[in-house]
Amino acid sequence: MNNTLTDKVALITGGSRGIGAAIVRRLAAEGAKVAFTYAASAGKAHELAAEIESQGGAALAIAADSGEVRAVQDAVTLAVAHFGRLDILVNNAGIMIQGAVDDYAISDFNRMLDVNVRATFVAVQAAIPHMGPGGRIITTGSVTAERTAFPGSSVYSMTKGAIAALTRGLAWDLGKKGITINVIQPGPTETDMNQGEDIRARLRTMMALGRIGKDAEIASLVAYLASPEAAFITGSALTVDGGYLA
């Protein structure tokens, strides 16, 4: 690691497991102080914070349901109060509720929008007053914004397309402040969303590299976008998918 983020403070939503935990670990390894939210995985969240601190880092686990506006706003406030500043925001929290349009519940539709789309906007809005020039905002999207490929995934794909469009618009709002904002679009990755060898076997046939991704590989792109080297990248959707969209 190059410690490119020394003295920086990062907040990662949905950071207790999967891709989120990999992002927390990678940014901490790069020298950042990390705050991260969790909704249901309290044990894993506190274990992760303890792991980082045992390695000489600084971490803060925050209980926050990204489907609640106030919880997202309070998470930003707590991170800033604890570490004194905010340089990097990673909107990683997301859920997938699959189902055919025929009987898809409106309550599930609203929940998907609340967590996957509204929470991103709310977090950005809350973070901006604490960010100066050089600030970085990165959102975890999905290749499903461009290729759904599975029945029952229409609402999930819609939410990921929405944050890609939001990112492009916000790039213009934030550019004058010297803040960059980008969305990463992971392909199939070894996470809780892709459980079961039958599912993973099918996914491997859809990948140019013949395998699904690792959470650390996704985190590496986040670390790059958070670094000084990515200062001229904003409003972009960057795919990290092993050739899924090729």
Protein backbone atom coordinates (compact mmCIF):
# COMPACT_ATOMS: atom_id res chain seq x y z
CA MET A 1 0.00 0.00 0.00
CA ASN A 2 1.13 3.52 -0.78
CA ASN A 3 -0.67 5.29 2.10
CA THR A 4 -2.09 7.73 -0.43
CA LEU A 5 -4.95 8.59 1.93
CA THR A 6 -2.98 9.44 5.07
CA ASP A 7 -4.78 12.11 7.15
CA LYS A 8 -7.98 11.64 5.13
CA VAL A 9 -11.33 10.69 6.66
CA ALA A 10 -13.74 8.40 4.83
CA LEU A 11 -17.34 7.40 5.45
CA ILE A 12 -18.56 4.21 3.81
CA THR A 13 -22.24 3.30 3.99
CA GLY A 14 -23.03 -0.39 4.20
CA GLY A 15 -19.48 -1.20 5.26
CA SER A 16 -19.81 -4.19 7.58
CA ARG A 17 -19.62 -7.02 5.02
CA GLY A 18 -19.03 -7.93 1.40
CA ILE A 19 -17.78 -5.23 -0.94
CA GLY A 20 -18.35 -2.59 1.75
CA ALA A 21 -16.05 -4.31 4.24
CA ALA A 22 -13.40 -4.73 1.54
CA ILE A 23 -13.61 -0.99 0.83
CA VAL A 24 -13.28 -0.18 4.53
CA ARG A 25 -10.19 -2.39 4.80
CA ARG A 26 -8.57 -0.99 1.66
CA LEU A 27 -9.09 2.68 2.52
CA ALA A 28 -7.80 2.04 6.05
CA ALA A 29 -4.76 0.27 4.58
CA GLU A 30 -4.15 3.37 2.45
CA GLY A 31 -4.00 5.45 5.63
CA ALA A 32 -7.52 6.84 5.91
CA LYS A 33 -9.50 7.04 9.12
CA VAL A 34 -12.71 5.15 8.35
CA ALA A 35 -16.26 5.46 9.60
CA PHE A 36 -18.78 3.04 8.22
CA THR A 37 -22.45 2.25 8.67
CA TYR A 38 -24.23 -1.03 9.21
CA ALA A 39 -27.89 -1.97 9.48
CA ALA A 40 -28.18 -5.56 10.70
CA SER A 41 -24.63 -6.93 11.05
CA ALA A 42 -23.61 -5.36 14.36
CA GLY A 43 -21.26 -8.20 15.28
CA LYS A 44 -19.41 -8.10 11.99
CA ALA A 45 -19.27 -4.31 12.09
CA HIS A 46 -17.61 -4.13 15.49
CA GLU A 47 -15.26 -6.99 14.63
CA LEU A 48 -14.17 -5.07 11.53
CA ALA A 49 -13.60 -1.86 13.49
CA ALA A 50 -11.55 -3.79 16.07
CA GLU A 51 -9.53 -5.46 13.30
CA ILE A 52 -8.59 -2.12 11.79
CA GLU A 53 -7.68 -0.61 15.14
CA SER A 54 -5.56 -3.65 16.01
CA GLN A 55 -3.53 -2.89 12.89
CA GLY A 56 -2.93 0.70 13.96
CA GLY A 57 -5.81 2.27 12.07
CA ALA A 58 -8.79 4.29 13.22
CA ALA A 59 -12.35 3.09 12.68
CA LEU A 60 -15.88 3.91 13.79
CA ALA A 61 -18.89 1.63 13.26
CA ILE A 62 -22.22 3.48 13.07
CA ALA A 63 -25.65 1.83 13.23
CA ALA A 64 -27.75 3.37 10.46
CA ASP A 65 -30.51 2.10 8.20
CA SER A 66 -29.90 3.72 4.81
CA GLY A 67 -33.63 3.57 4.14
CA GLU A 68 -34.13 6.26 6.81
CA VAL A 69 -33.26 9.82 5.83
CA ARG A 70 -32.39 10.96 9.36
CA ALA A 71 -30.19 7.91 9.94
CA VAL A 72 -28.10 8.74 6.87
CA GLN A 73 -27.80 12.38 7.86
CA ASP A 74 -26.86 11.46 11.43
CA ALA A 75 -24.18 9.05 10.18
CA VAL A 76 -22.45 11.91 8.37
CA THR A 77 -22.73 14.10 11.46
CA LEU A 78 -21.30 11.38 13.72
CA ALA A 79 -18.38 10.67 11.39
CA VAL A 80 -17.44 14.35 11.25
CA ALA A 81 -17.86 14.80 15.00
CA HIS A 82 -15.65 11.78 15.71
CA PHE A 83 -12.86 12.45 13.22
CA GLY A 84 -13.16 16.22 12.78
CA ARG A 85 -13.57 16.27 9.00
CA LEU A 86 -14.79 14.36 5.95
CA ASP A 87 -12.81 13.92 2.74
CA ILE A 88 -14.25 10.78 1.14
CA LEU A 89 -17.83 9.50 0.94
CA VAL A 90 -18.51 6.02 -0.42
CA ASN A 91 -22.20 5.28 -0.98
CA ASN A 92 -22.06 1.51 -0.88
CA ALA A 93 -25.23 0.49 0.97
CA GLY A 94 -27.66 -1.32 -1.29
CA ILE A 95 -30.25 -4.07 -1.34
CA MET A 96 -31.76 -6.37 -3.94
CA ILE A 97 -35.40 -7.44 -3.76
CA GLN A 98 -36.12 -9.54 -6.83
CA GLY A 99 -39.52 -10.21 -8.32
CA ALA A 100 -41.57 -10.15 -11.49
CA VAL A 101 -43.49 -6.99 -12.31
CA ASP A 102 -46.78 -8.92 -12.23
CA ASP A 103 -46.94 -8.98 -8.44
CA TYR A 104 -44.02 -6.85 -7.30
CA ALA A 105 -45.07 -5.19 -4.03
CA ILE A 106 -45.11 -1.40 -3.98
CA SER A 107 -43.61 -1.54 -0.49
CA ASP A 108 -40.61 -3.43 -1.90
CA PHE A 109 -40.38 -0.97 -4.81
CA ASN A 110 -40.28 1.96 -2.38
CA ARG A 111 -37.74 0.23 -0.14
CA MET A 112 -35.42 -0.31 -3.12
CA LEU A 113 -35.67 3.35 -4.07
CA ASP A 114 -35.14 4.49 -0.48
CA VAL A 115 -31.96 2.46 0.09
CA ASN A 116 -30.41 2.34 -3.38
CA VAL A 117 -31.24 5.83 -4.67
CA ARG A 118 -32.55 8.27 -2.08
CA ALA A 119 -29.87 7.36 0.47
CA THR A 120 -27.17 8.25 -2.05
CA PHE A 121 -28.65 11.70 -2.63
CA VAL A 122 -29.18 12.30 1.10
CA ALA A 123 -25.62 11.27 1.98
CA VAL A 124 -24.15 13.51 -0.71
CA GLN A 125 -26.31 16.42 0.41
CA ALA A 126 -25.27 15.93 4.04
CA ALA A 127 -21.57 15.50 3.22
CA ILE A 128 -21.08 18.51 0.94
CA PRO A 129 -20.91 21.16 3.73
CA HIS A 130 -18.02 19.22 5.30
CA MET A 131 -16.03 18.66 2.11
CA GLY A 132 -13.52 21.00 0.57
CA PRO A 133 -11.66 21.01 -2.74
CA GLY A 134 -10.23 17.56 -3.36
CA GLY A 135 -13.23 15.83 -1.83
CA ARG A 136 -14.18 12.47 -3.30
CA ILE A 137 -17.63 10.88 -3.61
CA ILE A 138 -17.90 7.34 -4.97
CA THR A 139 -21.09 5.30 -5.31
CA THR A 140 -21.37 1.55 -5.81
CA GLY A 141 -23.61 0.90 -8.79
CA SER A 142 -23.85 -2.24 -10.89
CA VAL A 143 -23.40 -3.52 -14.43
CA THR A 144 -27.15 -4.17 -14.29
CA ALA A 145 -27.54 -0.48 -15.09
CA GLU A 146 -26.53 -1.52 -18.61
CA ARG A 147 -27.39 -5.23 -18.79
CA THR A 148 -29.96 -6.92 -16.58
CA ALA A 149 -29.65 -10.48 -18.01
CA PHE A 150 -31.88 -12.10 -15.37
CA PRO A 151 -35.68 -12.03 -14.98
CA GLY A 152 -36.96 -10.43 -11.81
CA SER A 153 -34.19 -7.85 -11.63
CA SER A 154 -35.90 -4.90 -13.32
CA VAL A 155 -36.34 -2.74 -10.21
CA TYR A 156 -32.77 -3.37 -9.05
CA SER A 157 -31.49 -2.44 -12.51
CA MET A 158 -33.60 0.71 -12.48
CA THR A 159 -32.11 1.86 -9.18
CA LYS A 160 -28.57 1.31 -10.43
CA GLY A 161 -29.31 3.19 -13.64
CA ALA A 162 -30.74 6.03 -11.57
CA ILE A 163 -27.59 6.54 -9.50
CA ALA A 164 -25.45 6.49 -12.65
CA ALA A 165 -27.58 9.33 -14.04
CA LEU A 166 -27.53 11.13 -10.69
CA THR A 167 -23.74 10.93 -10.67
CA ARG A 168 -23.49 12.61 -14.06
CA GLY A 169 -25.71 15.46 -12.93
CA LEU A 170 -24.00 15.92 -9.59
CA ALA A 171 -20.61 16.15 -11.30
CA TRP A 172 -21.72 19.54 -12.63
CA ASP A 173 -23.05 20.68 -9.26
CA LEU A 174 -19.89 19.65 -7.41
CA GLY A 175 -17.23 20.48 -9.99
CA LYS A 176 -17.14 24.13 -9.03
CA LYS A 177 -16.44 23.04 -5.46
CA GLY A 178 -13.48 20.94 -6.54
CA ILE A 179 -15.24 17.72 -5.50
CA THR A 180 -15.30 14.71 -7.81
CA ILE A 181 -18.10 12.16 -7.94
CA ASN A 182 -18.09 8.84 -9.76
CA VAL A 183 -19.95 5.54 -9.76
CA ILE A 184 -18.31 2.14 -9.97
CA GLN A 185 -20.23 -0.67 -11.67
CA PRO A 186 -19.15 -4.08 -10.39
CA GLY A 187 -19.98 -7.21 -12.31
CA PRO A 188 -20.82 -10.51 -10.60
CA THR A 189 -18.79 -10.63 -7.38
CA GLU A 190 -18.38 -13.10 -4.54
CA THR A 191 -20.85 -11.57 -2.09
CA ASP A 192 -24.01 -12.54 -0.23
CA MET A 193 -26.04 -11.56 -3.30
CA ASN A 194 -24.43 -14.34 -5.35
CA GLN A 195 -24.74 -17.29 -3.02
CA GLY A 196 -24.97 -20.84 -4.27
CA GLU A 197 -22.61 -22.71 -6.57
CA ASP A 198 -25.31 -23.17 -9.22
CA ILE A 199 -25.70 -19.41 -9.55
CA ARG A 200 -21.96 -18.83 -9.56
CA ALA A 201 -21.41 -21.53 -12.17
CA ARG A 202 -23.90 -19.84 -14.48
CA LEU A 203 -22.31 -16.45 -13.91
CA ARG A 204 -18.85 -17.76 -14.77
CA THR A 205 -20.05 -18.66 -18.26
CA MET A 206 -21.02 -15.01 -18.77
CA MET A 207 -17.57 -13.63 -17.91
CA ALA A 208 -14.76 -13.04 -20.41
CA LEU A 209 -12.27 -14.00 -17.70
CA GLY A 210 -14.21 -17.13 -16.78
CA ARG A 211 -14.59 -16.22 -13.11
CA ILE A 212 -16.54 -13.87 -10.90
CA GLY A 213 -14.86 -11.00 -9.11
CA LYS A 214 -13.45 -10.65 -5.61
CA ASP A 215 -14.53 -7.91 -3.25
CA ALA A 216 -10.92 -6.71 -2.88
CA GLU A 217 -10.76 -6.15 -6.64
CA ILE A 218 -13.76 -3.84 -6.44
CA ALA A 219 -12.24 -2.03 -3.47
CA SER A 220 -9.06 -1.35 -5.42
CA LEU A 221 -10.98 0.79 -7.91
CA VAL A 222 -12.59 2.72 -5.06
CA ALA A 223 -9.15 3.35 -3.55
CA TYR A 224 -7.91 4.70 -6.88
CA LEU A 225 -10.87 7.04 -7.30
CA ALA A 226 -10.35 8.29 -3.75
CA SER A 227 -6.68 9.02 -4.41
CA PRO A 228 -5.01 12.19 -5.71
CA GLU A 229 -4.26 10.39 -9.01
CA ALA A 230 -7.98 10.42 -9.89
CA ALA A 231 -8.39 14.20 -9.59
CA PHE A 232 -9.46 14.61 -13.23
CA ILE A 233 -12.12 11.87 -13.22
CA THR A 234 -15.67 12.93 -12.42
CA GLY A 235 -19.18 12.14 -13.61
CA SER A 236 -18.02 8.74 -14.82
CA ALA A 237 -19.37 5.20 -14.52
CA LEU A 238 -16.37 2.87 -14.31
CA THR A 239 -16.99 -0.82 -14.92
CA VAL A 240 -15.06 -3.52 -13.05
CA ASP A 241 -16.68 -6.69 -14.32
CA GLY A 242 -14.23 -9.25 -15.71
CA GLY A 243 -15.61 -8.67 -19.19
CA TYR A 244 -19.30 -9.23 -18.33
CA LEU A 245 -20.30 -6.32 -20.56
CA ALA A 246 -17.66 -6.98 -23.25
